[in-house]
Amino acid sequence: MKKLMLAIAMGVFITGNVVAQNVKFGIRGGLNLSKVSSFSYKTNNGTSEQAVSTEYKPGFHAGVYADIGINNLISIQPEIIYSQKGYRTNYSFLGVDRTTTVSYNYLDIPFMAKIKTGTGFNVFAGPAVSFLMDRKVKDSGDDGSFETGDGVIDEDNFRKADIGGVVGGEYDFGKFNLGARYNFGLQKLDKNDASVKARNNNIQVSLGFNF
């Protein structure tokens, strides 16, 4: 029994050392290009629909990650990332061209599996959950602009937690890595209006650093 307990203890100690040696921590940040999928909403008491075409809105992201090596080929990479998302849309009202910019600030937590090719190039994919921290709407045109939203989120109508996925790739050079990824939401953002089927879409280009 003592030999068995000693063997188990040695196994736990060795495994812990191996795992510790295979975990890398890092930071990354960069550019966002974000939009929501084009959508429509009901008008005139539900008797007609108004289509909304969206455009990409720039922003940035920054955060931390851990690279947990399983073997020489596969690792697991969880992250905690602050990310600016949203969209732009153009319309005309009373003969005046206007632009609406909707800004969402999220805390993204992706959990990805990474495949390493041995050439410095890696590919990864996995699920992600995003928590909405605040949102603002700015409407501007030739006749002036106004902004709404004070960081208070209408949780009765707007989804505060978004479930989605991530797919992308990166190239390692020394302690640095340069990557690009596509983040997509699987849930529509409006919880109550079935006609509004807008979902988050986000392209990121990042520069990372391994400690």
N, C-alpha and C. Protein backbone atom coordinates (compact mmCIF):
# COMPACT_ATOMS: atom_id res chain seq x y z
N MET A 1 0.83 -1.20 0.00
CA MET A 1 0.00 0.00 0.00
C MET A 1 0.86 1.26 0.00
N LYS A 2 1.95 1.23 0.85
CA LYS A 2 2.83 2.39 0.89
C LYS A 2 3.49 2.64 -0.45
N LYS A 3 3.90 1.53 -1.12
CA LYS A 3 4.52 1.67 -2.44
C LYS A 3 3.53 2.24 -3.45
N LEU A 4 2.26 1.78 -3.35
CA LEU A 4 1.24 2.29 -4.26
C LEU A 4 1.00 3.77 -4.04
N MET A 5 0.89 4.18 -2.78
CA MET A 5 0.69 5.60 -2.47
C MET A 5 1.87 6.44 -2.93
N LEU A 6 3.08 5.89 -2.76
CA LEU A 6 4.28 6.60 -3.20
C LEU A 6 4.29 6.75 -4.72
N ALA A 7 3.88 5.69 -5.43
CA ALA A 7 3.84 5.75 -6.89
C ALA A 7 2.82 6.77 -7.36
N ILE A 8 1.64 6.81 -6.71
CA ILE A 8 0.61 7.79 -7.07
C ILE A 8 1.11 9.20 -6.83
N ALA A 9 1.75 9.40 -5.67
CA ALA A 9 2.27 10.74 -5.34
C ALA A 9 3.32 11.18 -6.35
N MET A 10 4.21 10.26 -6.74
CA MET A 10 5.23 10.60 -7.73
C MET A 10 4.59 10.91 -9.08
N GLY A 11 3.54 10.15 -9.43
CA GLY A 11 2.86 10.40 -10.70
C GLY A 11 2.20 11.76 -10.73
N VAL A 12 1.54 12.12 -9.61
CA VAL A 12 0.91 13.44 -9.53
C VAL A 12 1.95 14.54 -9.61
N PHE A 13 3.08 14.35 -8.93
CA PHE A 13 4.14 15.36 -8.93
C PHE A 13 4.72 15.54 -10.33
N ILE A 14 4.99 14.42 -11.02
CA ILE A 14 5.56 14.50 -12.37
C ILE A 14 4.57 15.12 -13.33
N THR A 15 3.29 14.70 -13.24
CA THR A 15 2.27 15.25 -14.14
C THR A 15 2.11 16.74 -13.93
N GLY A 16 2.12 17.16 -12.65
CA GLY A 16 2.01 18.59 -12.36
C GLY A 16 3.15 19.38 -12.95
N ASN A 17 4.37 18.83 -12.86
CA ASN A 17 5.52 19.52 -13.44
C ASN A 17 5.42 19.61 -14.95
N VAL A 18 4.97 18.52 -15.58
CA VAL A 18 4.84 18.52 -17.04
C VAL A 18 3.82 19.55 -17.49
N VAL A 19 2.64 19.56 -16.81
CA VAL A 19 1.60 20.52 -17.17
C VAL A 19 2.10 21.95 -16.98
N ALA A 20 2.78 22.19 -15.84
CA ALA A 20 3.29 23.53 -15.57
C ALA A 20 4.27 23.97 -16.63
N GLN A 21 5.11 23.02 -17.11
CA GLN A 21 6.09 23.36 -18.13
C GLN A 21 5.42 23.64 -19.47
N ASN A 22 4.23 23.09 -19.69
CA ASN A 22 3.56 23.22 -20.98
C ASN A 22 2.52 24.33 -21.01
N VAL A 23 2.45 25.15 -19.99
CA VAL A 23 1.51 26.26 -19.95
C VAL A 23 2.26 27.56 -20.20
N LYS A 24 1.78 28.31 -21.20
CA LYS A 24 2.34 29.62 -21.49
C LYS A 24 1.24 30.67 -21.33
N PHE A 25 1.60 31.81 -20.79
CA PHE A 25 0.66 32.91 -20.65
C PHE A 25 1.09 34.04 -21.58
N GLY A 26 0.10 34.80 -22.04
CA GLY A 26 0.42 35.89 -22.95
C GLY A 26 -0.65 36.97 -22.98
N ILE A 27 -0.36 38.00 -23.71
CA ILE A 27 -1.30 39.10 -23.94
C ILE A 27 -1.44 39.29 -25.44
N ARG A 28 -2.59 39.80 -25.85
CA ARG A 28 -2.77 40.12 -27.26
C ARG A 28 -3.73 41.29 -27.40
N GLY A 29 -3.62 41.99 -28.51
CA GLY A 29 -4.51 43.10 -28.79
C GLY A 29 -4.42 43.48 -30.25
N GLY A 30 -5.39 44.27 -30.70
CA GLY A 30 -5.36 44.67 -32.10
C GLY A 30 -6.67 45.27 -32.57
N LEU A 31 -6.90 45.13 -33.86
CA LEU A 31 -8.01 45.78 -34.57
C LEU A 31 -9.23 44.89 -34.65
N ASN A 32 -10.40 45.49 -34.47
CA ASN A 32 -11.69 44.84 -34.71
C ASN A 32 -12.37 45.46 -35.92
N LEU A 33 -13.02 44.64 -36.71
CA LEU A 33 -13.99 45.09 -37.71
C LEU A 33 -15.28 44.33 -37.41
N SER A 34 -16.31 45.05 -36.98
CA SER A 34 -17.50 44.38 -36.46
C SER A 34 -18.77 44.88 -37.14
N LYS A 35 -19.74 43.99 -37.24
CA LYS A 35 -21.07 44.34 -37.72
C LYS A 35 -22.03 43.30 -37.17
N VAL A 36 -23.31 43.55 -37.35
CA VAL A 36 -24.30 42.51 -37.11
C VAL A 36 -24.88 42.13 -38.46
N SER A 37 -25.40 40.92 -38.55
CA SER A 37 -26.02 40.49 -39.80
C SER A 37 -27.19 41.41 -40.13
N SER A 38 -27.36 41.69 -41.42
CA SER A 38 -28.46 42.56 -41.84
C SER A 38 -29.79 41.97 -41.36
N PHE A 39 -30.71 42.86 -41.00
CA PHE A 39 -31.95 42.40 -40.39
C PHE A 39 -33.10 43.31 -40.82
N SER A 40 -34.29 42.96 -40.39
CA SER A 40 -35.47 43.78 -40.64
C SER A 40 -36.29 43.83 -39.36
N TYR A 41 -37.16 44.82 -39.27
CA TYR A 41 -38.03 44.93 -38.11
C TYR A 41 -39.42 45.37 -38.55
N LYS A 42 -40.41 45.07 -37.73
CA LYS A 42 -41.79 45.38 -38.05
C LYS A 42 -42.09 46.86 -37.83
N THR A 43 -42.85 47.45 -38.75
CA THR A 43 -43.31 48.84 -38.61
C THR A 43 -44.81 48.89 -38.86
N ASN A 44 -45.39 50.06 -38.60
CA ASN A 44 -46.83 50.26 -38.83
C ASN A 44 -47.67 49.19 -38.14
N ASN A 45 -47.37 49.01 -36.84
CA ASN A 45 -48.12 48.03 -36.03
C ASN A 45 -48.01 46.61 -36.58
N GLY A 46 -46.83 46.31 -37.14
CA GLY A 46 -46.58 44.96 -37.62
C GLY A 46 -47.10 44.66 -39.00
N THR A 47 -47.59 45.67 -39.71
CA THR A 47 -48.16 45.42 -41.04
C THR A 47 -47.12 45.46 -42.15
N SER A 48 -45.92 45.98 -41.87
CA SER A 48 -44.87 46.03 -42.89
C SER A 48 -43.52 45.84 -42.24
N GLU A 49 -42.49 45.61 -43.09
CA GLU A 49 -41.14 45.39 -42.59
C GLU A 49 -40.19 46.44 -43.15
N GLN A 50 -39.24 46.86 -42.31
CA GLN A 50 -38.20 47.79 -42.73
C GLN A 50 -36.86 47.05 -42.69
N ALA A 51 -36.21 46.91 -43.85
CA ALA A 51 -34.92 46.22 -43.92
C ALA A 51 -33.80 47.15 -43.48
N VAL A 52 -32.82 46.61 -42.77
CA VAL A 52 -31.66 47.37 -42.31
C VAL A 52 -30.40 46.67 -42.82
N SER A 53 -29.62 47.37 -43.64
CA SER A 53 -28.35 46.85 -44.14
C SER A 53 -27.22 47.44 -43.30
N THR A 54 -26.35 46.60 -42.79
CA THR A 54 -25.31 47.05 -41.87
C THR A 54 -23.93 47.05 -42.51
N GLU A 55 -23.04 47.89 -41.95
CA GLU A 55 -21.66 47.98 -42.42
C GLU A 55 -20.71 47.74 -41.25
N TYR A 56 -19.45 47.44 -41.59
CA TYR A 56 -18.46 47.18 -40.54
C TYR A 56 -18.09 48.45 -39.80
N LYS A 57 -17.91 48.31 -38.50
CA LYS A 57 -17.49 49.40 -37.60
C LYS A 57 -16.13 49.03 -37.00
N PRO A 58 -15.14 49.94 -37.05
CA PRO A 58 -13.84 49.63 -36.46
C PRO A 58 -13.85 49.74 -34.94
N GLY A 59 -12.94 49.05 -34.31
CA GLY A 59 -12.77 49.10 -32.87
C GLY A 59 -11.46 48.42 -32.51
N PHE A 60 -11.29 48.10 -31.24
CA PHE A 60 -10.07 47.40 -30.84
C PHE A 60 -10.41 46.34 -29.79
N HIS A 61 -9.43 45.49 -29.52
CA HIS A 61 -9.58 44.47 -28.49
C HIS A 61 -8.24 44.30 -27.78
N ALA A 62 -8.29 43.81 -26.54
CA ALA A 62 -7.08 43.56 -25.77
C ALA A 62 -7.41 42.61 -24.63
N GLY A 63 -6.46 41.74 -24.29
CA GLY A 63 -6.70 40.82 -23.20
C GLY A 63 -5.56 39.86 -22.97
N VAL A 64 -5.87 38.79 -22.24
CA VAL A 64 -4.86 37.81 -21.84
C VAL A 64 -5.30 36.42 -22.28
N TYR A 65 -4.33 35.52 -22.38
CA TYR A 65 -4.63 34.14 -22.75
C TYR A 65 -3.65 33.18 -22.08
N ALA A 66 -4.02 31.91 -22.07
CA ALA A 66 -3.15 30.83 -21.63
C ALA A 66 -3.10 29.79 -22.73
N ASP A 67 -1.91 29.30 -23.03
CA ASP A 67 -1.72 28.23 -24.01
C ASP A 67 -1.31 26.98 -23.24
N ILE A 68 -2.22 26.01 -23.16
CA ILE A 68 -2.00 24.81 -22.35
C ILE A 68 -1.68 23.65 -23.29
N GLY A 69 -0.41 23.26 -23.33
CA GLY A 69 0.01 22.22 -24.25
C GLY A 69 -0.46 20.84 -23.83
N ILE A 70 -1.13 20.13 -24.75
CA ILE A 70 -1.52 18.75 -24.52
C ILE A 70 -0.43 17.81 -25.02
N ASN A 71 0.08 18.09 -26.20
CA ASN A 71 1.24 17.41 -26.76
C ASN A 71 1.91 18.37 -27.74
N ASN A 72 2.81 17.85 -28.57
CA ASN A 72 3.53 18.73 -29.50
C ASN A 72 2.64 19.26 -30.61
N LEU A 73 1.46 18.67 -30.77
CA LEU A 73 0.59 19.03 -31.89
C LEU A 73 -0.63 19.84 -31.47
N ILE A 74 -1.13 19.61 -30.27
CA ILE A 74 -2.41 20.18 -29.84
C ILE A 74 -2.25 20.92 -28.52
N SER A 75 -2.91 22.06 -28.41
CA SER A 75 -2.98 22.78 -27.14
C SER A 75 -4.38 23.36 -26.97
N ILE A 76 -4.71 23.74 -25.75
CA ILE A 76 -5.97 24.39 -25.42
C ILE A 76 -5.68 25.84 -25.06
N GLN A 77 -6.47 26.77 -25.60
CA GLN A 77 -6.21 28.19 -25.36
C GLN A 77 -7.47 28.91 -24.88
N PRO A 78 -7.64 29.09 -23.58
CA PRO A 78 -8.70 29.97 -23.06
C PRO A 78 -8.21 31.41 -23.03
N GLU A 79 -9.14 32.36 -23.16
CA GLU A 79 -8.78 33.77 -23.20
C GLU A 79 -9.81 34.60 -22.44
N ILE A 80 -9.41 35.78 -22.02
CA ILE A 80 -10.32 36.81 -21.50
C ILE A 80 -9.98 38.09 -22.24
N ILE A 81 -10.91 38.57 -23.08
CA ILE A 81 -10.63 39.67 -24.01
C ILE A 81 -11.71 40.75 -23.91
N TYR A 82 -11.28 42.00 -23.73
CA TYR A 82 -12.19 43.14 -23.89
C TYR A 82 -12.28 43.45 -25.37
N SER A 83 -13.50 43.58 -25.90
CA SER A 83 -13.67 43.72 -27.34
C SER A 83 -14.77 44.73 -27.67
N GLN A 84 -14.44 45.69 -28.53
CA GLN A 84 -15.40 46.68 -29.01
C GLN A 84 -16.07 46.16 -30.28
N LYS A 85 -17.38 45.99 -30.23
CA LYS A 85 -18.14 45.50 -31.37
C LYS A 85 -19.23 46.51 -31.73
N GLY A 86 -20.12 46.12 -32.65
CA GLY A 86 -21.20 47.00 -33.06
C GLY A 86 -21.39 47.00 -34.56
N TYR A 87 -21.97 48.08 -35.09
CA TYR A 87 -22.19 48.19 -36.53
C TYR A 87 -22.54 49.61 -36.90
N ARG A 88 -22.54 49.87 -38.21
CA ARG A 88 -23.00 51.14 -38.76
C ARG A 88 -24.09 50.87 -39.78
N THR A 89 -25.00 51.83 -39.91
CA THR A 89 -26.01 51.75 -40.95
C THR A 89 -26.33 53.16 -41.44
N ASN A 90 -26.58 53.29 -42.73
CA ASN A 90 -26.89 54.58 -43.34
C ASN A 90 -28.35 54.61 -43.76
N TYR A 91 -28.98 55.78 -43.62
CA TYR A 91 -30.37 55.92 -44.03
C TYR A 91 -30.65 57.39 -44.34
N SER A 92 -31.79 57.63 -44.91
CA SER A 92 -32.21 59.00 -45.24
C SER A 92 -33.51 59.31 -44.52
N PHE A 93 -33.56 60.49 -43.87
CA PHE A 93 -34.76 60.91 -43.13
C PHE A 93 -35.07 62.35 -43.48
N LEU A 94 -36.26 62.57 -44.05
CA LEU A 94 -36.70 63.90 -44.47
C LEU A 94 -35.69 64.56 -45.40
N GLY A 95 -35.14 63.75 -46.30
CA GLY A 95 -34.19 64.26 -47.29
C GLY A 95 -32.78 64.47 -46.78
N VAL A 96 -32.50 64.09 -45.53
CA VAL A 96 -31.16 64.26 -44.95
C VAL A 96 -30.52 62.88 -44.78
N ASP A 97 -29.30 62.73 -45.33
CA ASP A 97 -28.56 61.47 -45.18
C ASP A 97 -27.97 61.40 -43.77
N ARG A 98 -28.18 60.26 -43.12
CA ARG A 98 -27.71 60.10 -41.74
C ARG A 98 -27.00 58.75 -41.58
N THR A 99 -26.15 58.69 -40.57
CA THR A 99 -25.43 57.46 -40.22
C THR A 99 -25.64 57.15 -38.74
N THR A 100 -26.05 55.93 -38.47
CA THR A 100 -26.19 55.48 -37.09
C THR A 100 -25.05 54.52 -36.77
N THR A 101 -24.32 54.81 -35.69
CA THR A 101 -23.23 53.95 -35.22
C THR A 101 -23.62 53.36 -33.87
N VAL A 102 -23.72 52.05 -33.83
CA VAL A 102 -24.08 51.34 -32.60
C VAL A 102 -22.82 50.67 -32.05
N SER A 103 -22.49 50.97 -30.80
CA SER A 103 -21.27 50.45 -30.17
C SER A 103 -21.64 49.50 -29.04
N TYR A 104 -21.06 48.29 -29.07
CA TYR A 104 -21.21 47.31 -28.00
C TYR A 104 -19.83 47.04 -27.40
N ASN A 105 -19.71 47.07 -26.09
CA ASN A 105 -18.47 46.69 -25.42
C ASN A 105 -18.69 45.36 -24.71
N TYR A 106 -17.90 44.37 -25.11
CA TYR A 106 -18.07 43.01 -24.61
C TYR A 106 -16.83 42.54 -23.85
N LEU A 107 -17.04 41.57 -22.97
CA LEU A 107 -15.97 40.77 -22.40
C LEU A 107 -16.11 39.38 -23.01
N ASP A 108 -15.18 39.03 -23.90
CA ASP A 108 -15.22 37.75 -24.60
C ASP A 108 -14.39 36.71 -23.85
N ILE A 109 -14.95 35.50 -23.73
CA ILE A 109 -14.23 34.39 -23.11
C ILE A 109 -14.29 33.19 -24.06
N PRO A 110 -13.36 33.10 -25.01
CA PRO A 110 -13.30 31.94 -25.90
C PRO A 110 -12.52 30.80 -25.26
N PHE A 111 -12.81 29.58 -25.70
CA PHE A 111 -12.11 28.37 -25.23
C PHE A 111 -11.84 27.53 -26.47
N MET A 112 -10.59 27.58 -26.94
CA MET A 112 -10.29 27.06 -28.26
C MET A 112 -9.30 25.89 -28.21
N ALA A 113 -9.43 25.00 -29.18
CA ALA A 113 -8.43 23.97 -29.43
C ALA A 113 -7.52 24.47 -30.55
N LYS A 114 -6.21 24.33 -30.35
CA LYS A 114 -5.23 24.83 -31.32
C LYS A 114 -4.42 23.66 -31.88
N ILE A 115 -4.26 23.64 -33.19
CA ILE A 115 -3.43 22.64 -33.86
C ILE A 115 -2.18 23.33 -34.37
N LYS A 116 -1.02 22.79 -33.98
CA LYS A 116 0.27 23.36 -34.37
C LYS A 116 0.87 22.53 -35.50
N THR A 117 1.25 23.20 -36.57
CA THR A 117 1.75 22.49 -37.75
C THR A 117 3.24 22.22 -37.68
N GLY A 118 3.96 22.85 -36.75
CA GLY A 118 5.39 22.68 -36.67
C GLY A 118 6.17 23.64 -37.55
N THR A 119 5.45 24.47 -38.31
CA THR A 119 6.09 25.45 -39.19
C THR A 119 5.98 26.87 -38.63
N GLY A 120 5.40 27.00 -37.44
CA GLY A 120 5.14 28.32 -36.87
C GLY A 120 3.71 28.77 -37.09
N PHE A 121 3.02 28.11 -38.03
CA PHE A 121 1.63 28.46 -38.32
C PHE A 121 0.69 27.55 -37.54
N ASN A 122 -0.28 28.14 -36.85
CA ASN A 122 -1.25 27.39 -36.05
C ASN A 122 -2.67 27.75 -36.48
N VAL A 123 -3.57 26.79 -36.36
CA VAL A 123 -4.99 27.06 -36.59
C VAL A 123 -5.76 26.70 -35.32
N PHE A 124 -6.88 27.38 -35.09
CA PHE A 124 -7.64 27.15 -33.86
C PHE A 124 -9.12 27.39 -34.10
N ALA A 125 -9.93 26.79 -33.24
CA ALA A 125 -11.38 26.97 -33.30
C ALA A 125 -11.96 26.54 -31.96
N GLY A 126 -13.15 27.08 -31.66
CA GLY A 126 -13.80 26.69 -30.43
C GLY A 126 -14.99 27.58 -30.10
N PRO A 127 -15.68 27.27 -29.02
CA PRO A 127 -16.83 28.08 -28.59
C PRO A 127 -16.38 29.32 -27.83
N ALA A 128 -17.30 30.25 -27.66
CA ALA A 128 -17.02 31.48 -26.90
C ALA A 128 -18.32 31.99 -26.28
N VAL A 129 -18.19 32.59 -25.12
CA VAL A 129 -19.30 33.30 -24.50
C VAL A 129 -18.88 34.75 -24.33
N SER A 130 -19.78 35.67 -24.64
CA SER A 130 -19.48 37.11 -24.58
C SER A 130 -20.49 37.79 -23.67
N PHE A 131 -19.98 38.61 -22.76
CA PHE A 131 -20.83 39.33 -21.82
C PHE A 131 -20.85 40.81 -22.17
N LEU A 132 -22.03 41.33 -22.46
CA LEU A 132 -22.18 42.73 -22.83
C LEU A 132 -22.05 43.62 -21.60
N MET A 133 -21.13 44.59 -21.67
CA MET A 133 -20.91 45.50 -20.55
C MET A 133 -21.69 46.80 -20.72
N ASP A 134 -21.73 47.35 -21.93
CA ASP A 134 -22.54 48.54 -22.19
C ASP A 134 -22.72 48.71 -23.69
N ARG A 135 -23.63 49.59 -24.07
CA ARG A 135 -23.85 49.89 -25.49
C ARG A 135 -24.27 51.33 -25.63
N LYS A 136 -23.92 51.93 -26.78
CA LYS A 136 -24.28 53.31 -27.08
C LYS A 136 -24.66 53.42 -28.54
N VAL A 137 -25.52 54.39 -28.82
CA VAL A 137 -25.97 54.65 -30.18
C VAL A 137 -25.71 56.11 -30.51
N LYS A 138 -25.01 56.36 -31.63
CA LYS A 138 -24.75 57.72 -32.08
C LYS A 138 -25.35 57.90 -33.47
N ASP A 139 -26.17 58.92 -33.62
CA ASP A 139 -26.80 59.22 -34.90
C ASP A 139 -26.28 60.57 -35.38
N SER A 140 -25.76 60.62 -36.60
CA SER A 140 -25.16 61.86 -37.11
C SER A 140 -25.57 62.11 -38.55
N GLY A 141 -25.62 63.40 -38.91
CA GLY A 141 -25.96 63.81 -40.26
C GLY A 141 -25.58 65.26 -40.47
N ASP A 142 -25.95 65.81 -41.63
CA ASP A 142 -25.61 67.20 -41.94
C ASP A 142 -26.27 68.18 -40.99
N ASP A 143 -27.37 67.78 -40.37
CA ASP A 143 -28.09 68.68 -39.48
C ASP A 143 -27.73 68.47 -38.00
N GLY A 144 -26.62 67.77 -37.75
CA GLY A 144 -26.17 67.58 -36.38
C GLY A 144 -26.16 66.12 -35.97
N SER A 145 -25.85 65.88 -34.71
CA SER A 145 -25.77 64.51 -34.20
C SER A 145 -26.25 64.46 -32.76
N PHE A 146 -26.62 63.26 -32.34
CA PHE A 146 -26.98 63.04 -30.95
C PHE A 146 -26.55 61.63 -30.56
N GLU A 147 -26.40 61.42 -29.26
CA GLU A 147 -25.95 60.13 -28.75
C GLU A 147 -26.86 59.68 -27.63
N THR A 148 -27.21 58.40 -27.64
CA THR A 148 -28.04 57.84 -26.59
C THR A 148 -27.31 56.66 -25.96
N GLY A 149 -27.72 56.31 -24.76
CA GLY A 149 -27.11 55.18 -24.07
C GLY A 149 -26.15 55.66 -23.01
N ASP A 150 -26.40 55.27 -21.78
CA ASP A 150 -25.55 55.68 -20.66
C ASP A 150 -24.89 54.49 -20.00
N GLY A 151 -24.77 53.40 -20.78
CA GLY A 151 -24.17 52.19 -20.22
C GLY A 151 -25.19 51.25 -19.59
N VAL A 152 -26.44 51.69 -19.44
CA VAL A 152 -27.47 50.84 -18.85
C VAL A 152 -28.04 49.93 -19.93
N ILE A 153 -28.09 48.64 -19.66
CA ILE A 153 -28.53 47.66 -20.64
C ILE A 153 -29.96 47.23 -20.33
N ASP A 154 -30.82 47.29 -21.33
CA ASP A 154 -32.20 46.83 -21.18
C ASP A 154 -32.21 45.31 -21.27
N GLU A 155 -32.07 44.63 -20.13
CA GLU A 155 -31.96 43.19 -20.13
C GLU A 155 -33.27 42.50 -20.48
N ASP A 156 -34.39 43.21 -20.39
CA ASP A 156 -35.67 42.61 -20.74
C ASP A 156 -35.77 42.35 -22.24
N ASN A 157 -35.10 43.18 -23.04
CA ASN A 157 -35.21 43.05 -24.49
C ASN A 157 -33.89 42.67 -25.17
N PHE A 158 -32.76 43.06 -24.58
CA PHE A 158 -31.48 42.86 -25.24
C PHE A 158 -30.69 41.77 -24.53
N ARG A 159 -30.13 40.86 -25.31
CA ARG A 159 -29.42 39.72 -24.75
C ARG A 159 -28.06 40.16 -24.19
N LYS A 160 -27.86 39.95 -22.90
CA LYS A 160 -26.62 40.40 -22.27
C LYS A 160 -25.48 39.40 -22.45
N ALA A 161 -25.79 38.12 -22.56
CA ALA A 161 -24.78 37.08 -22.79
C ALA A 161 -25.00 36.48 -24.17
N ASP A 162 -23.94 36.45 -24.97
CA ASP A 162 -24.02 35.96 -26.34
C ASP A 162 -23.16 34.70 -26.47
N ILE A 163 -23.72 33.65 -27.03
CA ILE A 163 -22.99 32.41 -27.27
C ILE A 163 -22.59 32.36 -28.74
N GLY A 164 -21.33 32.02 -29.00
CA GLY A 164 -20.87 32.00 -30.38
C GLY A 164 -19.69 31.08 -30.57
N GLY A 165 -18.96 31.34 -31.65
CA GLY A 165 -17.80 30.52 -31.99
C GLY A 165 -16.67 31.35 -32.53
N VAL A 166 -15.49 30.74 -32.59
CA VAL A 166 -14.28 31.39 -33.07
C VAL A 166 -13.54 30.44 -34.00
N VAL A 167 -13.01 30.96 -35.10
CA VAL A 167 -12.14 30.19 -35.98
C VAL A 167 -11.07 31.12 -36.51
N GLY A 168 -9.83 30.64 -36.60
CA GLY A 168 -8.76 31.52 -37.06
C GLY A 168 -7.42 30.84 -37.14
N GLY A 169 -6.39 31.65 -37.32
CA GLY A 169 -5.03 31.15 -37.42
C GLY A 169 -4.04 32.20 -36.96
N GLU A 170 -2.81 31.77 -36.72
CA GLU A 170 -1.76 32.68 -36.27
C GLU A 170 -0.40 32.15 -36.70
N TYR A 171 0.57 33.05 -36.69
CA TYR A 171 1.95 32.67 -37.00
C TYR A 171 2.84 33.11 -35.86
N ASP A 172 3.62 32.17 -35.32
CA ASP A 172 4.54 32.45 -34.22
C ASP A 172 5.91 32.85 -34.75
N PHE A 173 6.48 33.90 -34.17
CA PHE A 173 7.87 34.27 -34.46
C PHE A 173 8.51 34.76 -33.17
N GLY A 174 9.37 33.89 -32.62
CA GLY A 174 9.95 34.18 -31.32
C GLY A 174 8.89 34.16 -30.25
N LYS A 175 8.87 35.17 -29.41
CA LYS A 175 7.86 35.29 -28.36
C LYS A 175 6.58 35.96 -28.86
N PHE A 176 6.57 36.39 -30.11
CA PHE A 176 5.42 37.10 -30.67
C PHE A 176 4.59 36.18 -31.56
N ASN A 177 3.34 36.57 -31.77
CA ASN A 177 2.49 35.89 -32.75
C ASN A 177 1.58 36.91 -33.40
N LEU A 178 1.33 36.70 -34.67
CA LEU A 178 0.43 37.54 -35.46
C LEU A 178 -0.72 36.68 -35.95
N GLY A 179 -1.95 37.09 -35.63
CA GLY A 179 -3.08 36.24 -35.95
C GLY A 179 -4.29 36.98 -36.46
N ALA A 180 -5.19 36.22 -37.05
CA ALA A 180 -6.48 36.75 -37.52
C ALA A 180 -7.54 35.71 -37.20
N ARG A 181 -8.74 36.19 -36.85
CA ARG A 181 -9.81 35.27 -36.51
C ARG A 181 -11.17 35.87 -36.85
N TYR A 182 -12.13 34.98 -36.95
CA TYR A 182 -13.52 35.38 -37.18
C TYR A 182 -14.35 34.91 -36.00
N ASN A 183 -15.04 35.85 -35.35
CA ASN A 183 -15.94 35.56 -34.24
C ASN A 183 -17.39 35.71 -34.71
N PHE A 184 -18.23 34.77 -34.40
CA PHE A 184 -19.62 34.84 -34.86
C PHE A 184 -20.57 34.47 -33.72
N GLY A 185 -21.65 35.22 -33.63
CA GLY A 185 -22.67 34.93 -32.64
C GLY A 185 -23.69 33.93 -33.17
N LEU A 186 -24.16 33.07 -32.29
CA LEU A 186 -25.15 32.07 -32.67
C LEU A 186 -26.56 32.45 -32.21
N GLN A 187 -26.67 33.51 -31.41
CA GLN A 187 -27.96 33.93 -30.89
C GLN A 187 -28.30 35.32 -31.42
N LYS A 188 -29.59 35.54 -31.70
CA LYS A 188 -29.99 36.89 -32.09
C LYS A 188 -29.96 37.78 -30.86
N LEU A 189 -29.60 39.05 -31.07
CA LEU A 189 -29.36 39.95 -29.95
C LEU A 189 -30.64 40.41 -29.26
N ASP A 190 -31.71 40.57 -30.02
CA ASP A 190 -32.99 40.96 -29.45
C ASP A 190 -33.73 39.71 -28.97
N LYS A 191 -34.06 39.66 -27.69
CA LYS A 191 -34.66 38.46 -27.12
C LYS A 191 -36.14 38.32 -27.44
N ASN A 192 -36.83 39.44 -27.66
CA ASN A 192 -38.29 39.40 -27.72
C ASN A 192 -38.86 39.56 -29.12
N ASP A 193 -38.25 40.41 -29.95
CA ASP A 193 -38.79 40.67 -31.28
C ASP A 193 -38.28 39.61 -32.25
N ALA A 194 -39.15 38.69 -32.64
CA ALA A 194 -38.75 37.59 -33.50
C ALA A 194 -38.34 38.06 -34.89
N SER A 195 -38.78 39.25 -35.30
CA SER A 195 -38.45 39.74 -36.64
C SER A 195 -37.04 40.31 -36.71
N VAL A 196 -36.45 40.67 -35.56
CA VAL A 196 -35.09 41.23 -35.54
C VAL A 196 -34.12 40.08 -35.28
N LYS A 197 -33.42 39.64 -36.33
CA LYS A 197 -32.55 38.48 -36.23
C LYS A 197 -31.08 38.86 -36.35
N ALA A 198 -30.71 40.02 -35.81
CA ALA A 198 -29.33 40.48 -35.88
C ALA A 198 -28.44 39.64 -34.98
N ARG A 199 -27.28 39.22 -35.52
CA ARG A 199 -26.28 38.46 -34.78
C ARG A 199 -24.92 39.11 -34.96
N ASN A 200 -24.09 39.00 -33.94
CA ASN A 200 -22.75 39.60 -33.99
C ASN A 200 -21.86 38.89 -35.00
N ASN A 201 -21.09 39.68 -35.75
CA ASN A 201 -20.02 39.19 -36.63
C ASN A 201 -18.81 40.08 -36.40
N ASN A 202 -17.64 39.47 -36.24
CA ASN A 202 -16.48 40.23 -35.81
C ASN A 202 -15.20 39.63 -36.40
N ILE A 203 -14.40 40.46 -37.07
CA ILE A 203 -13.09 40.06 -37.58
C ILE A 203 -12.02 40.73 -36.72
N GLN A 204 -11.04 39.97 -36.29
CA GLN A 204 -9.96 40.51 -35.47
C GLN A 204 -8.60 40.22 -36.09
N VAL A 205 -7.72 41.21 -36.03
CA VAL A 205 -6.31 41.04 -36.38
C VAL A 205 -5.51 41.42 -35.14
N SER A 206 -4.66 40.50 -34.66
CA SER A 206 -4.04 40.66 -33.35
C SER A 206 -2.53 40.49 -33.41
N LEU A 207 -1.86 41.17 -32.50
CA LEU A 207 -0.45 40.93 -32.21
C LEU A 207 -0.37 40.45 -30.76
N GLY A 208 0.24 39.28 -30.57
CA GLY A 208 0.34 38.71 -29.23
C GLY A 208 1.77 38.57 -28.77
N PHE A 209 1.93 38.41 -27.45
CA PHE A 209 3.26 38.24 -26.86
C PHE A 209 3.18 37.17 -25.77
N ASN A 210 4.06 36.18 -25.86
CA ASN A 210 4.13 35.11 -24.86
C ASN A 210 5.16 35.47 -23.78
N PHE A 211 4.77 35.36 -22.53
CA PHE A 211 5.70 35.64 -21.44
C PHE A 211 6.66 34.47 -21.23
